Amino acid sequence: MSGASKRRRWSAADVPDLSGRTAVITGANSGIGFETAKVLAARGATVVMACRNPVKAQDALDSIRSATPDADISVLQMDLNSLTSVRKAAEALVGERPVIDVLINNAGVILLPYGKTEDGFEQHFGINHLGHFAFTALVLGAVAAAEAGRVVTVGSNGHLFGKMDFDDPHFTRKYSPFKGYARSKLANLQFAYELQRRLTAAGSPVQSLAAHPGGANTEVGGMNVGPVKMKIKKVIDRIPNPVVHPAAKGALPVLRAATDPSARGGEYYGPSGLLKMTGRPVPVKSNAASRDAAAAERMWVLSEELTEVTFQV
């Protein structure tokens, strides 16, 4: 098999041995985060699951240990809805794990009615972007202490519909759940690319990448999923679908961005198939707005002002 063919067919089996490496994953109790944590733990990584709900996180941890009995895995309680919680979690994490090889910013909410975080931010923007922005800043020193540290930010095809209004960052005018979500996903990618630009300028070996799961069939947004919906989900997972695939396959772009030795900072990984919704994980392109350096710089400054957290790259 040629090298090119092998890259096109990249799968979880290509994740290298990760013994001695530490991976931190936000929102790892379900969906993409859970599937990512499961693979990393199986490949020998020390995995820290940074989750809002400690009960659900413990259930997920137990599930992973049932598959990988010797998994080195633990739970870090963190609520991205609260910067106080983010700061507390970051301090505890760095105190216990001074070296972090991979930070995966995965947690997120989607299509919520208008609401504000504990700190007064619109929920999608506050949780999906600002919480991760602050957490990354606070633990970046530990990532930099790794031999080849990486930060992977999970985006979405939803970024294609995002538009930031810097005069109304908390979306108090003409709000819609979809637009709120899309805006936050655009911010995620702007953050990932701007972080890489700053790391490069500083001569840092840390790499910032992004990935999106495509049309992954997951529980997302902290919504309650009843037994009927879970049965429907299991049926959907078994049916071949050109635009929806199981969470385990949706996790592959994230896993590749986090572990593929050939992956490079500034790259964006996603599915290769129809509408970039399903298929093997490959480098993909995001829209021009996500790569607008001037807009990303403006978003960065705004994010530091709102979170009162400054990056030390």
Protein backbone atom coordinates (compact mmCIF):
# COMPACT_ATOMS: atom_id res chain seq x y z
CA MET A 1 0.00 0.00 0.00
CA SER A 2 1.37 3.42 -0.93
CA GLY A 3 1.95 6.11 1.66
CA ALA A 4 -0.80 8.22 0.11
CA SER A 5 -3.28 5.33 0.28
CA LYS A 6 -2.39 4.66 3.86
CA ARG A 7 -3.00 8.30 4.77
CA ARG A 8 -6.38 8.27 3.05
CA ARG A 9 -7.36 5.20 5.06
CA TRP A 10 -6.20 6.50 8.44
CA SER A 11 -8.10 4.91 11.33
CA ALA A 12 -7.91 4.46 15.09
CA ALA A 13 -5.47 1.61 14.45
CA ASP A 14 -2.97 4.25 13.30
CA VAL A 15 -2.88 5.99 16.67
CA PRO A 16 0.67 5.33 17.92
CA ASP A 17 1.66 4.00 21.31
CA LEU A 18 1.10 6.84 23.79
CA SER A 19 2.67 5.37 26.91
CA GLY A 20 4.14 8.11 29.07
CA ARG A 21 2.04 10.85 27.47
CA THR A 22 -0.77 12.82 29.07
CA ALA A 23 -3.93 13.88 27.25
CA VAL A 24 -6.58 16.22 28.65
CA ILE A 25 -10.01 16.18 27.00
CA THR A 26 -12.87 18.51 27.85
CA GLY A 27 -16.37 17.08 27.64
CA ALA A 28 -15.04 13.52 27.63
CA ASN A 29 -18.05 11.87 29.26
CA SER A 30 -20.01 11.43 26.00
CA GLY A 31 -19.93 11.63 22.22
CA ILE A 32 -16.72 12.64 20.46
CA GLY A 33 -14.88 13.31 23.70
CA PHE A 34 -15.71 9.89 25.13
CA GLU A 35 -14.73 8.03 21.96
CA THR A 36 -11.47 10.00 21.82
CA ALA A 37 -10.69 9.27 25.46
CA LYS A 38 -11.42 5.58 24.96
CA VAL A 39 -8.91 5.26 22.11
CA LEU A 40 -6.20 7.31 23.80
CA ALA A 41 -6.51 5.29 27.00
CA ALA A 42 -6.32 2.03 25.04
CA ARG A 43 -3.12 3.24 23.40
CA GLY A 44 -1.49 3.83 26.79
CA ALA A 45 -1.99 7.55 27.36
CA THR A 46 -2.69 9.01 30.78
CA VAL A 47 -6.10 10.55 30.17
CA VAL A 48 -7.73 13.35 32.16
CA MET A 49 -11.44 13.81 31.50
CA ALA A 50 -12.35 17.45 32.20
CA CYS A 51 -16.12 17.37 32.61
CA ARG A 52 -18.95 19.41 34.07
CA ASN A 53 -20.93 16.53 35.55
CA PRO A 54 -18.80 14.31 37.83
CA VAL A 55 -21.41 11.54 37.97
CA LYS A 56 -21.61 11.17 34.18
CA ALA A 57 -17.84 11.48 33.98
CA GLN A 58 -17.38 8.65 36.47
CA ASP A 59 -19.79 6.46 34.51
CA ALA A 60 -17.77 7.16 31.35
CA LEU A 61 -14.53 6.41 33.18
CA ASP A 62 -15.93 3.11 34.42
CA SER A 63 -16.99 2.22 30.88
CA ILE A 64 -13.49 2.90 29.55
CA ARG A 65 -11.91 0.86 32.33
CA SER A 66 -14.22 -2.06 31.54
CA ALA A 67 -12.73 -2.08 28.03
CA THR A 68 -9.17 -1.23 29.13
CA PRO A 69 -8.76 -2.45 32.74
CA ASP A 70 -5.30 -0.94 33.17
CA ALA A 71 -6.31 2.46 31.77
CA ASP A 72 -4.64 5.40 33.51
CA ILE A 73 -7.63 7.72 33.52
CA SER A 74 -9.09 10.28 35.91
CA VAL A 75 -11.77 12.96 36.15
CA LEU A 76 -11.24 16.71 36.53
CA GLN A 77 -14.39 18.61 37.42
CA MET A 78 -14.74 21.74 35.29
CA ASP A 79 -17.75 23.76 34.19
CA LEU A 80 -17.00 25.92 31.14
CA ASN A 81 -20.08 27.94 32.07
CA SER A 82 -18.04 29.49 34.88
CA LEU A 83 -14.62 31.13 34.63
CA THR A 84 -14.19 30.56 38.35
CA SER A 85 -14.57 26.84 37.72
CA VAL A 86 -12.20 27.02 34.75
CA ARG A 87 -9.51 28.75 36.81
CA LYS A 88 -9.91 26.31 39.69
CA ALA A 89 -9.71 23.32 37.36
CA ALA A 90 -6.66 24.68 35.53
CA GLU A 91 -4.84 25.30 38.80
CA ALA A 92 -5.60 21.78 40.05
CA LEU A 93 -4.62 20.21 36.72
CA VAL A 94 -1.27 21.96 36.38
CA GLY A 95 -0.48 21.24 40.02
CA GLU A 96 -0.95 17.52 39.41
CA ARG A 97 0.09 17.33 35.74
CA PRO A 98 2.92 19.82 35.07
CA VAL A 99 3.44 18.26 31.64
CA ILE A 100 0.51 17.89 29.23
CA ASP A 101 1.23 16.39 25.82
CA VAL A 102 -2.18 16.97 24.27
CA LEU A 103 -5.01 19.31 25.22
CA ILE A 104 -8.25 18.62 23.32
CA ASN A 105 -10.84 21.38 23.57
CA ASN A 106 -13.90 19.30 22.76
CA ALA A 107 -16.79 20.19 25.07
CA GLY A 108 -19.62 22.26 23.69
CA VAL A 109 -23.28 23.16 23.57
CA ILE A 110 -25.51 23.56 20.55
CA LEU A 111 -28.82 25.20 19.66
CA LEU A 112 -29.62 26.53 23.12
CA PRO A 113 -32.28 29.20 23.68
CA TYR A 114 -30.84 32.58 24.61
CA GLY A 115 -29.11 32.50 27.95
CA LYS A 116 -26.00 33.73 29.70
CA THR A 117 -23.13 32.03 31.47
CA GLU A 118 -22.27 32.72 35.07
CA ASP A 119 -20.02 35.53 33.84
CA GLY A 120 -22.65 37.15 31.61
CA PHE A 121 -21.57 35.77 28.22
CA GLU A 122 -24.02 34.40 25.63
CA GLN A 123 -23.98 30.66 26.28
CA HIS A 124 -22.59 29.32 23.01
CA PHE A 125 -19.86 31.96 22.82
CA GLY A 126 -19.06 31.69 26.53
CA ILE A 127 -18.91 27.91 26.80
CA ASN A 128 -17.68 26.83 23.37
CA HIS A 129 -15.11 29.57 22.90
CA LEU A 130 -14.34 31.77 25.91
CA GLY A 131 -14.18 28.92 28.44
CA HIS A 132 -11.76 27.00 26.25
CA PHE A 133 -9.78 30.14 25.47
CA ALA A 134 -9.23 30.76 29.18
CA PHE A 135 -8.50 27.12 30.01
CA THR A 136 -5.93 26.85 27.22
CA ALA A 137 -4.19 30.01 28.37
CA LEU A 138 -4.02 28.79 31.96
CA VAL A 139 -2.54 25.36 31.11
CA LEU A 140 -0.43 26.29 28.08
CA GLY A 141 2.74 26.30 30.16
CA ALA A 142 2.23 22.61 30.91
CA VAL A 143 1.66 21.89 27.22
CA ALA A 144 4.85 23.79 26.39
CA ALA A 145 6.71 21.63 28.91
CA ALA A 146 5.99 18.55 26.77
CA GLU A 147 8.45 17.43 24.14
CA ALA A 148 5.94 18.02 21.34
CA GLY A 149 2.83 19.52 22.90
CA ARG A 150 -0.38 19.96 20.93
CA VAL A 151 -3.62 21.86 21.37
CA VAL A 152 -6.55 20.54 19.34
CA THR A 153 -9.70 22.63 19.15
CA VAL A 154 -12.86 20.91 17.95
CA GLY A 155 -14.74 22.92 15.36
CA SER A 156 -17.77 22.24 13.19
CA ASN A 157 -19.13 22.72 9.70
CA GLY A 158 -21.39 25.19 11.48
CA HIS A 159 -18.54 27.73 11.30
CA LEU A 160 -19.49 28.25 7.65
CA PHE A 161 -22.58 30.13 8.80
CA GLY A 162 -20.93 32.10 11.61
CA LYS A 163 -20.63 35.86 11.65
CA MET A 164 -19.16 37.81 14.54
CA ASP A 165 -20.56 41.20 15.55
CA PHE A 166 -17.86 42.81 17.65
CA ASP A 167 -20.30 45.55 18.67
CA ASP A 168 -22.62 42.91 20.13
CA PRO A 169 -20.46 39.94 21.18
CA HIS A 170 -23.13 38.60 23.53
CA PHE A 171 -25.74 38.48 20.74
CA THR A 172 -28.37 40.61 22.46
CA ARG A 173 -29.88 41.60 19.10
CA LYS A 174 -31.65 39.26 16.65
CA TYR A 175 -30.46 36.13 18.41
CA SER A 176 -31.12 32.67 17.05
CA PRO A 177 -29.81 29.37 18.50
CA PHE A 178 -28.25 28.33 15.19
CA LYS A 179 -26.52 31.67 14.64
CA GLY A 180 -25.25 31.63 18.22
CA TYR A 181 -23.76 28.19 17.73
CA ALA A 182 -22.29 29.05 14.32
CA ARG A 183 -20.66 32.17 15.74
CA SER A 184 -19.01 30.18 18.51
CA LYS A 185 -17.66 27.61 16.04
CA LEU A 186 -16.20 30.37 13.88
CA ALA A 187 -14.53 31.72 17.02
CA ASN A 188 -13.11 28.26 17.78
CA LEU A 189 -11.32 28.11 14.43
CA GLN A 190 -10.13 31.71 14.58
CA PHE A 191 -8.67 30.89 17.99
CA ALA A 192 -6.93 27.71 16.78
CA TYR A 193 -5.29 29.45 13.82
CA GLU A 194 -4.35 32.59 15.73
CA LEU A 195 -2.81 30.50 18.50
CA GLN A 196 -0.64 28.77 15.91
CA ARG A 197 0.43 32.11 14.44
CA ARG A 198 1.46 33.32 17.88
CA LEU A 199 3.25 30.07 18.74
CA THR A 200 5.19 30.24 15.47
CA ALA A 201 6.13 33.88 16.06
CA ALA A 202 7.37 33.01 19.54
CA GLY A 203 9.40 30.04 18.29
CA SER A 204 7.38 27.66 20.45
CA PRO A 205 7.38 23.94 19.60
CA VAL A 206 3.73 23.66 20.65
CA GLN A 207 1.35 23.10 17.75
CA SER A 208 -2.27 24.26 17.53
CA LEU A 209 -4.58 22.27 15.27
CA ALA A 210 -8.32 21.99 14.72
CA ALA A 211 -10.65 19.17 13.77
CA HIS A 212 -14.33 18.61 13.18
CA PRO A 213 -16.36 15.38 13.44
CA GLY A 214 -18.65 15.94 10.48
CA GLY A 215 -22.16 14.59 10.90
CA ALA A 216 -21.55 12.64 14.08
CA ASN A 217 -24.51 11.08 15.83
CA THR A 218 -23.82 12.21 19.38
CA GLU A 219 -25.40 13.46 22.55
CA VAL A 220 -24.37 17.10 22.63
CA GLY A 221 -25.25 20.29 24.41
CA GLY A 222 -25.91 18.81 27.82
CA MET A 223 -29.43 17.82 26.77
CA ASN A 224 -31.20 14.92 28.43
CA VAL A 225 -31.43 11.86 26.22
CA GLY A 226 -34.22 9.46 27.21
CA PRO A 227 -34.42 5.70 26.53
CA VAL A 228 -36.51 6.14 23.38
CA LYS A 229 -34.00 8.58 21.87
CA MET A 230 -31.14 6.26 22.81
CA LYS A 231 -32.83 3.37 20.99
CA ILE A 232 -33.31 5.56 17.92
CA LYS A 233 -29.66 6.61 18.10
CA LYS A 234 -28.50 2.98 18.21
CA VAL A 235 -30.58 2.19 15.14
CA ILE A 236 -29.17 5.20 13.26
CA ASP A 237 -25.64 4.14 14.17
CA ARG A 238 -26.19 0.83 12.37
CA ILE A 239 -27.62 2.32 9.17
CA PRO A 240 -25.16 3.45 6.44
CA ASN A 241 -25.75 7.16 5.95
CA PRO A 242 -23.86 9.53 3.62
CA VAL A 243 -24.09 12.49 6.01
CA VAL A 244 -24.28 10.94 9.49
CA HIS A 245 -21.86 8.49 11.09
CA PRO A 246 -21.35 7.09 14.61
CA ALA A 247 -19.47 9.09 17.23
CA ALA A 248 -16.54 6.64 17.05
CA LYS A 249 -15.96 7.63 13.42
CA GLY A 250 -16.59 11.30 14.18
CA ALA A 251 -13.74 11.13 16.69
CA LEU A 252 -11.20 10.07 14.06
CA PRO A 253 -10.35 13.60 12.80
CA VAL A 254 -9.75 14.66 16.41
CA LEU A 255 -7.58 11.62 17.07
CA ARG A 256 -5.56 12.25 13.93
CA ALA A 257 -4.99 15.91 14.77
CA ALA A 258 -3.95 14.91 18.27
CA THR A 259 -1.67 11.96 17.50
CA ASP A 260 -0.59 11.67 13.87
CA PRO A 261 3.17 12.41 13.79
CA SER A 262 2.75 13.96 10.33
CA ALA A 263 0.09 16.46 11.44
CA ARG A 264 1.26 20.06 11.64
CA GLY A 265 0.17 23.19 13.46
CA GLY A 266 -2.43 25.24 11.62
CA GLU A 267 -4.00 22.19 9.98
CA TYR A 268 -7.71 21.39 10.14
CA TYR A 269 -8.90 17.78 10.00
CA GLY A 270 -12.32 16.46 9.06
CA PRO A 271 -14.11 13.68 7.17
CA SER A 272 -13.31 13.17 3.49
CA GLY A 273 -16.75 12.23 2.18
CA LEU A 274 -19.90 13.93 0.91
CA LEU A 275 -20.16 17.52 2.21
CA LYS A 276 -17.28 16.65 4.56
CA MET A 277 -19.81 14.93 6.82
CA THR A 278 -18.57 11.32 6.83
CA GLY A 279 -15.52 9.42 5.69
CA ARG A 280 -11.88 8.99 6.62
CA PRO A 281 -10.09 11.80 8.50
CA VAL A 282 -8.07 14.06 6.19
CA PRO A 283 -6.81 17.65 6.13
CA VAL A 284 -9.72 19.89 5.09
CA LYS A 285 -10.26 23.58 4.45
CA SER A 286 -12.29 26.05 6.47
CA ASN A 287 -13.79 29.25 5.13
CA ALA A 288 -12.08 32.58 4.56
CA ALA A 289 -13.66 34.17 7.65
CA SER A 290 -12.05 31.57 9.90
CA ARG A 291 -8.63 32.38 8.43
CA ASP A 292 -8.99 36.15 8.50
CA ALA A 293 -5.94 37.10 10.58
CA ALA A 294 -7.18 40.62 11.34
CA ALA A 295 -10.53 39.33 12.59
CA ALA A 296 -8.79 36.63 14.62
CA GLU A 297 -6.54 39.22 16.23
CA ARG A 298 -9.60 41.26 17.14
CA MET A 299 -11.30 38.17 18.54
CA TRP A 300 -8.20 37.36 20.58
CA VAL A 301 -8.05 40.82 22.14
CA LEU A 302 -11.77 40.70 22.93
CA SER A 303 -11.41 37.24 24.46
CA GLU A 304 -8.56 38.35 26.73
CA GLU A 305 -10.60 41.36 27.83
CA LEU A 306 -13.73 39.33 28.57
CA THR A 307 -11.99 36.46 30.36
CA GLU A 308 -9.33 38.62 32.01
CA VAL A 309 -6.86 35.89 31.09
CA THR A 310 -3.69 36.69 29.15
CA PHE A 311 -1.71 34.17 27.14
CA GLN A 312 1.98 33.72 27.83
CA VAL A 313 3.12 32.13 24.56
